[in-house]
Amino acid sequence: MLTTDRLEPCAMPDPRRWRALALLAIADFVVILDATIVNIALPSIGKDLHASTSSLSWVISAYILAFGGLLMLGGRLADLFGRRRLFIGGLILFGLASLAGGLSTSIGELIAFRALQGAGAAMLAPAARSIVVTLFEEGPERSKALGIWAAVAGAGSVVGLILGGVLTSTLGWQWVLFVNVPVTLGAAALAPLLISKSHA
C-alpha cells in the first residue's frame, strides 16, 4: 500500500503552491547569485587573506565545479530520499557553508567552504525544479510557474555583480557570503510549511 508521502499532488491543486513557488524561486536565485557575487570581492579577499591570483580563481571555480559536478547526483538523491528533504538539506548546507566561508582566515578554508556551497546548491536546485513541476498541473499554469521561477533565478547573475560591489565596499567581502545565511536558513524553516513531501 502506498503511503501519502509517495503520492503526487493530482486531485486538487495545492492552495499553497504560489507561495511555495516564491520560496523555491528565491532559493534558486541565491544559487545563481553566488556564481557571480564573489567576483567583485576577489581583490579584497586577496588582500585580506594574502592570496595569489591563481588561488583566487579557485574561489569561483570551486563553487561552479562542485555545483555542476554534483547536480545529477543531487537530482537522483531527491528521487530516492524525497524532494523536500533534499531541498531543505541543501539550503542548510548552503547557509552553513556561507557562514563558515565568511569567517575563513585563509584562502584554503574559503575555497573548501565555497565547494561545500556548491554541493548544497547541487542538492537544492534539482529538488526545487522537481517540486515546481509537481506543484502545478501540466498546462498553462505550469508553464507560467516555470517561467516565473526561471526569470527570478536568472536575475541572480546580474544582481550578484551589483550586490557584490555594494556589500564589499560598505560592509566588507565577508558579507557577500553572510548575506546568504538568513535567506537560506529562513527558507529552510518555511519549506515544511509550504511544501509537501514527495518522491519520484
N, C-alpha and C. Protein backbone atom coordinates (compact mmCIF):
# COMPACT_ATOMS: atom_id res chain seq x y z
N MET A 1 0.85 -1.20 0.00
CA MET A 1 0.00 0.00 0.00
C MET A 1 0.88 1.25 0.00
N LEU A 2 0.55 2.20 -0.83
CA LEU A 2 1.34 3.42 -0.93
C LEU A 2 1.06 4.34 0.25
N THR A 3 2.10 4.98 0.73
CA THR A 3 1.91 5.99 1.78
C THR A 3 1.59 7.32 1.13
N THR A 4 1.05 8.22 1.91
CA THR A 4 0.71 9.54 1.35
C THR A 4 1.96 10.30 0.96
N ASP A 5 3.14 9.97 1.58
CA ASP A 5 4.37 10.66 1.23
C ASP A 5 4.77 10.41 -0.22
N ARG A 6 4.30 9.27 -0.79
CA ARG A 6 4.71 8.92 -2.15
C ARG A 6 3.66 9.27 -3.19
N LEU A 7 2.61 9.91 -2.77
CA LEU A 7 1.58 10.31 -3.73
C LEU A 7 1.90 11.68 -4.29
N GLU A 8 1.79 11.83 -5.57
CA GLU A 8 1.99 13.12 -6.19
C GLU A 8 0.70 13.94 -6.10
N PRO A 9 0.80 15.27 -5.93
CA PRO A 9 -0.40 16.07 -5.91
C PRO A 9 -1.09 16.03 -7.27
N CYS A 10 -2.36 15.60 -7.30
CA CYS A 10 -3.01 15.49 -8.61
C CYS A 10 -4.49 15.86 -8.54
N ALA A 11 -5.20 15.48 -7.47
CA ALA A 11 -6.64 15.69 -7.42
C ALA A 11 -6.98 17.17 -7.32
N MET A 12 -6.46 17.81 -6.32
CA MET A 12 -6.74 19.23 -6.10
C MET A 12 -5.43 20.01 -6.07
N PRO A 13 -5.36 21.14 -6.76
CA PRO A 13 -4.13 21.94 -6.70
C PRO A 13 -3.85 22.38 -5.27
N ASP A 14 -2.59 22.35 -4.91
CA ASP A 14 -2.18 22.76 -3.57
C ASP A 14 -2.44 24.26 -3.41
N PRO A 15 -3.23 24.67 -2.42
CA PRO A 15 -3.51 26.11 -2.27
C PRO A 15 -2.28 26.93 -1.88
N ARG A 16 -1.23 26.24 -1.44
CA ARG A 16 0.00 26.95 -1.04
C ARG A 16 0.99 27.09 -2.20
N ARG A 17 0.61 26.63 -3.39
CA ARG A 17 1.59 26.45 -4.45
C ARG A 17 2.25 27.74 -4.90
N TRP A 18 1.54 28.87 -4.91
CA TRP A 18 2.16 30.11 -5.36
C TRP A 18 3.13 30.67 -4.33
N ARG A 19 2.79 30.49 -3.06
CA ARG A 19 3.73 30.89 -2.01
C ARG A 19 4.95 29.97 -2.01
N ALA A 20 4.71 28.69 -2.26
CA ALA A 20 5.83 27.75 -2.37
C ALA A 20 6.72 28.12 -3.56
N LEU A 21 6.11 28.53 -4.66
CA LEU A 21 6.88 28.93 -5.84
C LEU A 21 7.79 30.11 -5.51
N ALA A 22 7.28 31.08 -4.75
CA ALA A 22 8.10 32.23 -4.36
C ALA A 22 9.32 31.76 -3.56
N LEU A 23 9.10 30.83 -2.64
CA LEU A 23 10.19 30.31 -1.84
C LEU A 23 11.21 29.57 -2.70
N LEU A 24 10.74 28.75 -3.61
CA LEU A 24 11.61 27.98 -4.49
C LEU A 24 12.41 28.90 -5.42
N ALA A 25 11.75 29.93 -5.92
CA ALA A 25 12.42 30.87 -6.82
C ALA A 25 13.52 31.65 -6.09
N ILE A 26 13.25 32.05 -4.85
CA ILE A 26 14.24 32.78 -4.06
C ILE A 26 15.45 31.89 -3.79
N ALA A 27 15.19 30.62 -3.47
CA ALA A 27 16.29 29.69 -3.21
C ALA A 27 17.18 29.53 -4.44
N ASP A 28 16.56 29.37 -5.59
CA ASP A 28 17.35 29.22 -6.81
C ASP A 28 18.03 30.53 -7.20
N PHE A 29 17.41 31.65 -6.86
CA PHE A 29 18.02 32.96 -7.09
C PHE A 29 19.35 33.05 -6.35
N VAL A 30 19.39 32.58 -5.10
CA VAL A 30 20.61 32.63 -4.30
C VAL A 30 21.69 31.72 -4.90
N VAL A 31 21.28 30.57 -5.43
CA VAL A 31 22.23 29.66 -6.06
C VAL A 31 22.94 30.33 -7.24
N ILE A 32 22.17 30.99 -8.10
CA ILE A 32 22.75 31.68 -9.26
C ILE A 32 23.51 32.92 -8.82
N LEU A 33 22.98 33.61 -7.83
CA LEU A 33 23.64 34.81 -7.30
C LEU A 33 25.07 34.52 -6.89
N ASP A 34 25.28 33.38 -6.24
CA ASP A 34 26.61 33.09 -5.69
C ASP A 34 27.63 32.71 -6.73
N ALA A 35 27.21 32.50 -7.95
CA ALA A 35 28.17 32.27 -9.03
C ALA A 35 28.88 33.56 -9.42
N THR A 36 28.26 34.72 -9.13
CA THR A 36 28.84 36.00 -9.56
C THR A 36 29.11 36.98 -8.42
N ILE A 37 28.45 36.82 -7.28
CA ILE A 37 28.54 37.85 -6.24
C ILE A 37 29.96 37.99 -5.68
N VAL A 38 30.73 36.91 -5.73
CA VAL A 38 32.09 36.93 -5.18
C VAL A 38 33.08 37.62 -6.12
N ASN A 39 32.74 37.72 -7.41
CA ASN A 39 33.68 38.25 -8.40
C ASN A 39 34.24 39.61 -8.01
N ILE A 40 33.36 40.53 -7.64
CA ILE A 40 33.79 41.89 -7.32
C ILE A 40 34.62 41.92 -6.03
N ALA A 41 34.40 40.94 -5.16
CA ALA A 41 35.09 40.91 -3.87
C ALA A 41 36.48 40.30 -3.95
N LEU A 42 36.86 39.71 -5.08
CA LEU A 42 38.14 38.99 -5.16
C LEU A 42 39.36 39.84 -4.80
N PRO A 43 39.47 41.09 -5.26
CA PRO A 43 40.64 41.89 -4.84
C PRO A 43 40.72 42.07 -3.32
N SER A 44 39.58 42.31 -2.69
CA SER A 44 39.56 42.47 -1.23
C SER A 44 39.91 41.17 -0.53
N ILE A 45 39.39 40.06 -1.06
CA ILE A 45 39.71 38.75 -0.48
C ILE A 45 41.21 38.47 -0.59
N GLY A 46 41.78 38.74 -1.77
CA GLY A 46 43.20 38.51 -1.98
C GLY A 46 44.06 39.33 -1.03
N LYS A 47 43.67 40.57 -0.81
CA LYS A 47 44.44 41.44 0.08
C LYS A 47 44.32 40.98 1.53
N ASP A 48 43.12 40.63 1.93
CA ASP A 48 42.87 40.27 3.33
C ASP A 48 43.45 38.90 3.68
N LEU A 49 43.36 37.94 2.75
CA LEU A 49 43.83 36.58 3.03
C LEU A 49 45.19 36.29 2.41
N HIS A 50 45.83 37.31 1.83
CA HIS A 50 47.17 37.17 1.25
C HIS A 50 47.20 36.04 0.22
N ALA A 51 46.25 36.08 -0.69
CA ALA A 51 46.09 35.02 -1.68
C ALA A 51 46.66 35.43 -3.02
N SER A 52 47.20 34.46 -3.74
CA SER A 52 47.70 34.70 -5.09
C SER A 52 46.54 34.76 -6.08
N THR A 53 46.83 35.24 -7.27
CA THR A 53 45.80 35.34 -8.30
C THR A 53 45.25 33.97 -8.67
N SER A 54 46.15 32.98 -8.77
CA SER A 54 45.70 31.63 -9.13
C SER A 54 44.81 31.04 -8.04
N SER A 55 45.13 31.32 -6.78
CA SER A 55 44.30 30.83 -5.68
C SER A 55 42.92 31.49 -5.70
N LEU A 56 42.90 32.77 -6.03
CA LEU A 56 41.62 33.49 -6.06
C LEU A 56 40.68 32.93 -7.12
N SER A 57 41.24 32.46 -8.22
CA SER A 57 40.38 31.91 -9.27
C SER A 57 39.62 30.69 -8.77
N TRP A 58 40.17 29.98 -7.79
CA TRP A 58 39.51 28.80 -7.25
C TRP A 58 38.35 29.15 -6.34
N VAL A 59 38.29 30.38 -5.88
CA VAL A 59 37.13 30.81 -5.10
C VAL A 59 35.87 30.74 -5.95
N ILE A 60 36.01 31.06 -7.24
CA ILE A 60 34.90 30.94 -8.18
C ILE A 60 34.76 29.52 -8.68
N SER A 61 35.88 28.93 -9.09
CA SER A 61 35.84 27.60 -9.72
C SER A 61 35.35 26.51 -8.78
N ALA A 62 35.73 26.58 -7.52
CA ALA A 62 35.33 25.53 -6.56
C ALA A 62 33.82 25.45 -6.46
N TYR A 63 33.17 26.60 -6.45
CA TYR A 63 31.71 26.62 -6.36
C TYR A 63 31.07 26.06 -7.62
N ILE A 64 31.53 26.53 -8.77
CA ILE A 64 30.92 26.13 -10.04
C ILE A 64 31.17 24.65 -10.32
N LEU A 65 32.38 24.16 -10.04
CA LEU A 65 32.69 22.76 -10.31
C LEU A 65 31.90 21.82 -9.40
N ALA A 66 31.80 22.18 -8.12
CA ALA A 66 31.03 21.34 -7.19
C ALA A 66 29.55 21.34 -7.57
N PHE A 67 29.04 22.51 -7.92
CA PHE A 67 27.64 22.62 -8.30
C PHE A 67 27.34 21.80 -9.56
N GLY A 68 28.10 22.05 -10.61
CA GLY A 68 27.87 21.35 -11.87
C GLY A 68 28.16 19.86 -11.78
N GLY A 69 29.22 19.50 -11.07
CA GLY A 69 29.62 18.11 -10.99
C GLY A 69 28.68 17.23 -10.17
N LEU A 70 27.99 17.83 -9.21
CA LEU A 70 27.12 17.06 -8.32
C LEU A 70 25.63 17.22 -8.63
N LEU A 71 25.32 17.97 -9.68
CA LEU A 71 23.93 18.29 -9.98
C LEU A 71 23.09 17.05 -10.28
N MET A 72 23.59 16.15 -11.09
CA MET A 72 22.83 14.94 -11.42
C MET A 72 22.67 14.04 -10.20
N LEU A 73 23.72 13.97 -9.39
CA LEU A 73 23.63 13.19 -8.15
C LEU A 73 22.58 13.78 -7.23
N GLY A 74 22.52 15.11 -7.15
CA GLY A 74 21.51 15.77 -6.33
C GLY A 74 20.10 15.43 -6.78
N GLY A 75 19.89 15.40 -8.10
CA GLY A 75 18.58 15.04 -8.62
C GLY A 75 18.20 13.60 -8.28
N ARG A 76 19.17 12.70 -8.38
CA ARG A 76 18.89 11.30 -8.05
C ARG A 76 18.59 11.12 -6.56
N LEU A 77 19.35 11.81 -5.72
CA LEU A 77 19.12 11.72 -4.28
C LEU A 77 17.75 12.28 -3.91
N ALA A 78 17.31 13.31 -4.62
CA ALA A 78 15.97 13.87 -4.37
C ALA A 78 14.90 12.84 -4.69
N ASP A 79 15.11 12.05 -5.75
CA ASP A 79 14.17 10.99 -6.09
C ASP A 79 14.14 9.90 -5.03
N LEU A 80 15.31 9.58 -4.50
CA LEU A 80 15.41 8.49 -3.54
C LEU A 80 14.94 8.86 -2.14
N PHE A 81 15.31 10.03 -1.69
CA PHE A 81 15.08 10.41 -0.29
C PHE A 81 14.00 11.47 -0.10
N GLY A 82 13.48 12.01 -1.19
CA GLY A 82 12.42 13.00 -1.09
C GLY A 82 12.90 14.37 -1.50
N ARG A 83 12.10 15.01 -2.32
CA ARG A 83 12.48 16.32 -2.86
C ARG A 83 12.56 17.38 -1.77
N ARG A 84 11.53 17.41 -0.92
CA ARG A 84 11.54 18.43 0.14
C ARG A 84 12.72 18.23 1.07
N ARG A 85 13.02 16.98 1.41
CA ARG A 85 14.13 16.70 2.32
C ARG A 85 15.45 17.17 1.74
N LEU A 86 15.69 16.88 0.44
CA LEU A 86 16.94 17.32 -0.20
C LEU A 86 16.98 18.82 -0.35
N PHE A 87 15.83 19.42 -0.65
CA PHE A 87 15.76 20.87 -0.77
C PHE A 87 16.16 21.54 0.54
N ILE A 88 15.58 21.08 1.64
CA ILE A 88 15.89 21.66 2.94
C ILE A 88 17.33 21.39 3.33
N GLY A 89 17.78 20.14 3.10
CA GLY A 89 19.17 19.81 3.41
C GLY A 89 20.16 20.66 2.63
N GLY A 90 19.87 20.88 1.35
CA GLY A 90 20.72 21.72 0.53
C GLY A 90 20.76 23.16 1.01
N LEU A 91 19.60 23.68 1.42
CA LEU A 91 19.54 25.05 1.95
C LEU A 91 20.39 25.19 3.21
N ILE A 92 20.27 24.21 4.11
CA ILE A 92 21.02 24.27 5.37
C ILE A 92 22.52 24.18 5.10
N LEU A 93 22.93 23.23 4.24
CA LEU A 93 24.35 23.11 3.91
C LEU A 93 24.87 24.39 3.25
N PHE A 94 24.08 24.95 2.35
CA PHE A 94 24.48 26.17 1.65
C PHE A 94 24.65 27.32 2.65
N GLY A 95 23.68 27.46 3.56
CA GLY A 95 23.73 28.54 4.54
C GLY A 95 24.90 28.42 5.50
N LEU A 96 25.14 27.20 6.01
CA LEU A 96 26.24 27.00 6.96
C LEU A 96 27.60 27.16 6.28
N ALA A 97 27.70 26.69 5.02
CA ALA A 97 28.95 26.86 4.28
C ALA A 97 29.21 28.34 3.99
N SER A 98 28.15 29.11 3.75
CA SER A 98 28.30 30.55 3.52
C SER A 98 28.81 31.24 4.78
N LEU A 99 28.23 30.85 5.92
CA LEU A 99 28.67 31.43 7.20
C LEU A 99 30.14 31.10 7.46
N ALA A 100 30.50 29.83 7.28
CA ALA A 100 31.88 29.41 7.52
C ALA A 100 32.84 30.09 6.53
N GLY A 101 32.39 30.25 5.28
CA GLY A 101 33.22 30.93 4.29
C GLY A 101 33.50 32.37 4.66
N GLY A 102 32.50 33.06 5.16
CA GLY A 102 32.69 34.44 5.59
C GLY A 102 33.62 34.58 6.77
N LEU A 103 33.73 33.51 7.56
CA LEU A 103 34.60 33.52 8.74
C LEU A 103 35.99 32.96 8.45
N SER A 104 36.24 32.61 7.20
CA SER A 104 37.52 31.99 6.82
C SER A 104 38.70 32.91 7.14
N THR A 105 39.79 32.29 7.57
CA THR A 105 41.01 33.05 7.87
C THR A 105 42.14 32.73 6.89
N SER A 106 41.87 31.84 5.93
CA SER A 106 42.87 31.53 4.90
C SER A 106 42.15 31.25 3.59
N ILE A 107 42.89 31.37 2.51
CA ILE A 107 42.28 31.16 1.20
C ILE A 107 41.90 29.69 1.02
N GLY A 108 42.65 28.77 1.62
CA GLY A 108 42.32 27.36 1.52
C GLY A 108 40.98 27.05 2.17
N GLU A 109 40.74 27.64 3.35
CA GLU A 109 39.45 27.46 4.02
C GLU A 109 38.31 28.00 3.17
N LEU A 110 38.51 29.18 2.61
CA LEU A 110 37.47 29.79 1.80
C LEU A 110 37.13 28.93 0.58
N ILE A 111 38.15 28.41 -0.08
CA ILE A 111 37.91 27.56 -1.25
C ILE A 111 37.14 26.30 -0.86
N ALA A 112 37.50 25.71 0.27
CA ALA A 112 36.82 24.49 0.73
C ALA A 112 35.34 24.78 1.03
N PHE A 113 35.08 25.90 1.67
CA PHE A 113 33.69 26.23 2.01
C PHE A 113 32.90 26.64 0.78
N ARG A 114 33.57 27.21 -0.21
CA ARG A 114 32.89 27.50 -1.47
C ARG A 114 32.48 26.21 -2.18
N ALA A 115 33.34 25.19 -2.09
CA ALA A 115 32.98 23.90 -2.67
C ALA A 115 31.77 23.30 -1.95
N LEU A 116 31.72 23.46 -0.63
CA LEU A 116 30.56 22.98 0.13
C LEU A 116 29.30 23.75 -0.25
N GLN A 117 29.45 25.05 -0.52
CA GLN A 117 28.31 25.82 -1.03
C GLN A 117 27.80 25.21 -2.33
N GLY A 118 28.72 24.89 -3.22
CA GLY A 118 28.34 24.28 -4.49
C GLY A 118 27.63 22.96 -4.31
N ALA A 119 28.08 22.16 -3.33
CA ALA A 119 27.42 20.89 -3.05
C ALA A 119 26.00 21.12 -2.54
N GLY A 120 25.83 22.12 -1.68
CA GLY A 120 24.49 22.46 -1.21
C GLY A 120 23.59 22.91 -2.34
N ALA A 121 24.15 23.70 -3.25
CA ALA A 121 23.39 24.17 -4.41
C ALA A 121 22.97 23.01 -5.29
N ALA A 122 23.86 22.01 -5.45
CA ALA A 122 23.55 20.84 -6.27
C ALA A 122 22.47 19.97 -5.64
N MET A 123 22.30 20.07 -4.33
CA MET A 123 21.22 19.35 -3.66
C MET A 123 19.89 20.06 -3.85
N LEU A 124 19.89 21.37 -3.66
CA LEU A 124 18.60 22.08 -3.63
C LEU A 124 18.06 22.42 -5.01
N ALA A 125 18.92 22.70 -5.98
CA ALA A 125 18.45 23.17 -7.29
C ALA A 125 17.60 22.14 -8.04
N PRO A 126 18.05 20.89 -8.22
CA PRO A 126 17.19 19.93 -8.94
C PRO A 126 15.93 19.59 -8.15
N ALA A 127 16.05 19.57 -6.82
CA ALA A 127 14.87 19.31 -5.99
C ALA A 127 13.84 20.42 -6.17
N ALA A 128 14.32 21.66 -6.22
CA ALA A 128 13.41 22.81 -6.38
C ALA A 128 12.66 22.73 -7.70
N ARG A 129 13.37 22.40 -8.78
CA ARG A 129 12.70 22.32 -10.09
C ARG A 129 11.66 21.20 -10.10
N SER A 130 12.00 20.07 -9.51
CA SER A 130 11.05 18.95 -9.46
C SER A 130 9.81 19.31 -8.65
N ILE A 131 10.02 20.05 -7.58
CA ILE A 131 8.88 20.46 -6.74
C ILE A 131 7.96 21.39 -7.52
N VAL A 132 8.54 22.31 -8.28
CA VAL A 132 7.73 23.22 -9.10
C VAL A 132 6.86 22.41 -10.07
N VAL A 133 7.46 21.41 -10.72
CA VAL A 133 6.73 20.60 -11.70
C VAL A 133 5.59 19.83 -11.03
N THR A 134 5.81 19.31 -9.83
CA THR A 134 4.76 18.53 -9.16
C THR A 134 3.68 19.41 -8.53
N LEU A 135 4.02 20.65 -8.21
CA LEU A 135 3.05 21.55 -7.59
C LEU A 135 2.00 22.04 -8.57
N PHE A 136 2.39 22.17 -9.84
CA PHE A 136 1.50 22.76 -10.84
C PHE A 136 1.14 21.74 -11.91
N GLU A 137 -0.15 21.69 -12.23
CA GLU A 137 -0.61 20.76 -13.26
C GLU A 137 -0.07 21.15 -14.62
N GLU A 138 0.13 20.13 -15.46
CA GLU A 138 0.63 20.37 -16.79
C GLU A 138 -0.33 21.27 -17.57
N GLY A 139 0.25 22.24 -18.25
CA GLY A 139 -0.58 23.18 -19.00
C GLY A 139 -0.12 24.61 -18.77
N PRO A 140 -1.00 25.58 -19.01
CA PRO A 140 -0.62 26.99 -18.90
C PRO A 140 -0.12 27.38 -17.50
N GLU A 141 -0.73 26.80 -16.45
CA GLU A 141 -0.32 27.19 -15.11
C GLU A 141 1.11 26.75 -14.81
N ARG A 142 1.45 25.52 -15.22
CA ARG A 142 2.83 25.05 -15.01
C ARG A 142 3.81 25.87 -15.83
N SER A 143 3.45 26.18 -17.06
CA SER A 143 4.33 27.00 -17.91
C SER A 143 4.57 28.36 -17.29
N LYS A 144 3.51 28.96 -16.75
CA LYS A 144 3.64 30.26 -16.10
C LYS A 144 4.54 30.15 -14.87
N ALA A 145 4.34 29.10 -14.07
CA ALA A 145 5.14 28.91 -12.86
C ALA A 145 6.61 28.71 -13.20
N LEU A 146 6.90 27.89 -14.19
CA LEU A 146 8.29 27.65 -14.59
C LEU A 146 8.92 28.92 -15.16
N GLY A 147 8.12 29.71 -15.87
CA GLY A 147 8.63 30.97 -16.40
C GLY A 147 9.01 31.94 -15.29
N ILE A 148 8.15 32.05 -14.27
CA ILE A 148 8.44 32.92 -13.12
C ILE A 148 9.68 32.43 -12.39
N TRP A 149 9.72 31.11 -12.13
CA TRP A 149 10.84 30.51 -11.42
C TRP A 149 12.17 30.76 -12.15
N ALA A 150 12.17 30.55 -13.45
CA ALA A 150 13.39 30.73 -14.24
C ALA A 150 13.80 32.19 -14.32
N ALA A 151 12.82 33.09 -14.43
CA ALA A 151 13.14 34.52 -14.54
C ALA A 151 13.76 35.05 -13.25
N VAL A 152 13.18 34.66 -12.12
CA VAL A 152 13.72 35.11 -10.82
C VAL A 152 15.11 34.55 -10.61
N ALA A 153 15.28 33.25 -10.87
CA ALA A 153 16.59 32.62 -10.70
C ALA A 153 17.62 33.24 -11.64
N GLY A 154 17.23 33.46 -12.89
CA GLY A 154 18.16 34.01 -13.87
C GLY A 154 18.64 35.41 -13.54
N ALA A 155 17.82 36.17 -12.83
CA ALA A 155 18.21 37.53 -12.44
C ALA A 155 19.35 37.52 -11.44
N GLY A 156 19.60 36.37 -10.81
CA GLY A 156 20.63 36.29 -9.79
C GLY A 156 22.01 36.65 -10.28
N SER A 157 22.35 36.29 -11.53
CA SER A 157 23.69 36.57 -12.04
C SER A 157 23.95 38.06 -12.17
N VAL A 158 22.93 38.81 -12.60
CA VAL A 158 23.08 40.26 -12.74
C VAL A 158 23.10 40.94 -11.37
N VAL A 159 22.17 40.54 -10.53
CA VAL A 159 22.09 41.13 -9.18
C VAL A 159 23.37 40.83 -8.40
N GLY A 160 23.95 39.63 -8.62
CA GLY A 160 25.17 39.25 -7.91
C GLY A 160 26.29 40.23 -8.13
N LEU A 161 26.48 40.67 -9.36
CA LEU A 161 27.55 41.63 -9.65
C LEU A 161 27.33 42.96 -8.95
N ILE A 162 26.08 43.43 -8.97
CA ILE A 162 25.76 44.71 -8.34
C ILE A 162 25.86 44.61 -6.82
N LEU A 163 25.20 43.57 -6.27
CA LEU A 163 25.18 43.42 -4.82
C LEU A 163 26.57 43.14 -4.27
N GLY A 164 27.37 42.38 -5.02
CA GLY A 164 28.74 42.10 -4.58
C GLY A 164 29.55 43.37 -4.41
N GLY A 165 29.39 44.30 -5.35
CA GLY A 165 30.11 45.57 -5.25
C GLY A 165 29.65 46.41 -4.08
N VAL A 166 28.33 46.47 -3.88
CA VAL A 166 27.78 47.27 -2.78
C VAL A 166 28.22 46.72 -1.43
N LEU A 167 28.09 45.42 -1.25
CA LEU A 167 28.43 44.81 0.05
C LEU A 167 29.92 44.90 0.33
N THR A 168 30.74 44.67 -0.68
CA THR A 168 32.19 44.72 -0.47
C THR A 168 32.66 46.11 -0.09
N SER A 169 32.10 47.12 -0.74
CA SER A 169 32.54 48.50 -0.48
C SER A 169 31.99 49.07 0.82
N THR A 170 30.89 48.53 1.31
CA THR A 170 30.28 49.09 2.52
C THR A 170 30.53 48.25 3.77
N LEU A 171 30.40 46.94 3.65
CA LEU A 171 30.49 46.09 4.84
C LEU A 171 31.70 45.17 4.86
N GLY A 172 32.30 44.94 3.70
CA GLY A 172 33.45 44.04 3.63
C GLY A 172 33.11 42.80 2.81
N TRP A 173 34.16 42.14 2.29
CA TRP A 173 33.95 40.99 1.39
C TRP A 173 33.21 39.84 2.07
N GLN A 174 33.35 39.73 3.39
CA GLN A 174 32.69 38.62 4.10
C GLN A 174 31.18 38.63 3.90
N TRP A 175 30.62 39.82 3.68
CA TRP A 175 29.17 39.93 3.58
C TRP A 175 28.60 39.43 2.26
N VAL A 176 29.46 39.20 1.27
CA VAL A 176 28.94 38.58 0.05
C VAL A 176 28.58 37.12 0.33
N LEU A 177 29.10 36.58 1.42
CA LEU A 177 28.75 35.23 1.86
C LEU A 177 27.73 35.26 2.99
N PHE A 178 27.92 36.17 3.94
CA PHE A 178 26.98 36.26 5.06
C PHE A 178 25.55 36.54 4.61
N VAL A 179 25.39 37.25 3.49
CA VAL A 179 24.05 37.61 3.02
C VAL A 179 23.20 36.38 2.72
N ASN A 180 23.85 35.27 2.40
CA ASN A 180 23.11 34.05 2.10
C ASN A 180 22.48 33.40 3.33
N VAL A 181 23.07 33.64 4.49
CA VAL A 181 22.70 32.88 5.68
C VAL A 181 21.23 33.08 6.09
N PRO A 182 20.76 34.32 6.29
CA PRO A 182 19.36 34.46 6.69
C PRO A 182 18.38 34.00 5.61
N VAL A 183 18.75 34.17 4.34
CA VAL A 183 17.85 33.78 3.26
C VAL A 183 17.69 32.26 3.21
N THR A 184 18.81 31.54 3.22
CA THR A 184 18.74 30.09 3.08
C THR A 184 18.17 29.41 4.33
N LEU A 185 18.60 29.84 5.49
CA LEU A 185 18.09 29.21 6.71
C LEU A 185 16.63 29.59 6.95
N GLY A 186 16.25 30.80 6.58
CA GLY A 186 14.85 31.19 6.66
C GLY A 186 13.98 30.37 5.71
N ALA A 187 14.50 30.15 4.49
CA ALA A 187 13.77 29.33 3.52
C ALA A 187 13.64 27.88 4.01
N ALA A 188 14.70 27.37 4.64
CA ALA A 188 14.66 26.01 5.18
C ALA A 188 13.60 25.88 6.27
N ALA A 189 13.43 26.93 7.07
CA ALA A 189 12.43 26.90 8.14
C ALA A 189 11.01 26.97 7.57
N LEU A 190 10.83 27.71 6.48
CA LEU A 190 9.49 27.87 5.89
C LEU A 190 9.09 26.70 5.00
N ALA A 191 10.06 25.99 4.46
CA ALA A 191 9.76 24.93 3.48
C ALA A 191 8.76 23.89 3.99
N PRO A 192 8.87 23.38 5.23
CA PRO A 192 7.89 22.38 5.68
C PRO A 192 6.47 22.92 5.76
N LEU A 193 6.33 24.24 5.89
CA LEU A 193 5.00 24.84 5.98
C LEU A 193 4.34 25.01 4.62
N LEU A 194 5.16 25.09 3.57
CA LEU A 194 4.64 25.40 2.24
C LEU A 194 4.76 24.27 1.23
N ILE A 195 5.61 23.29 1.51
CA ILE A 195 5.89 22.23 0.53
C ILE A 195 5.60 20.89 1.17
N SER A 196 4.80 20.07 0.47
CA SER A 196 4.50 18.72 0.94
C SER A 196 5.62 17.76 0.57
N LYS A 197 5.69 16.65 1.30
CA LYS A 197 6.66 15.61 0.96
C LYS A 197 6.30 14.97 -0.36
N SER A 198 7.30 14.62 -1.16
CA SER A 198 7.04 13.90 -2.40
C SER A 198 8.28 13.18 -2.84
N HIS A 199 8.09 12.05 -3.55
CA HIS A 199 9.16 11.24 -4.12
C HIS A 199 8.86 11.03 -5.59
N ALA A 200 9.84 10.49 -6.29
CA ALA A 200 9.62 10.16 -7.70
C ALA A 200 8.59 9.03 -7.79
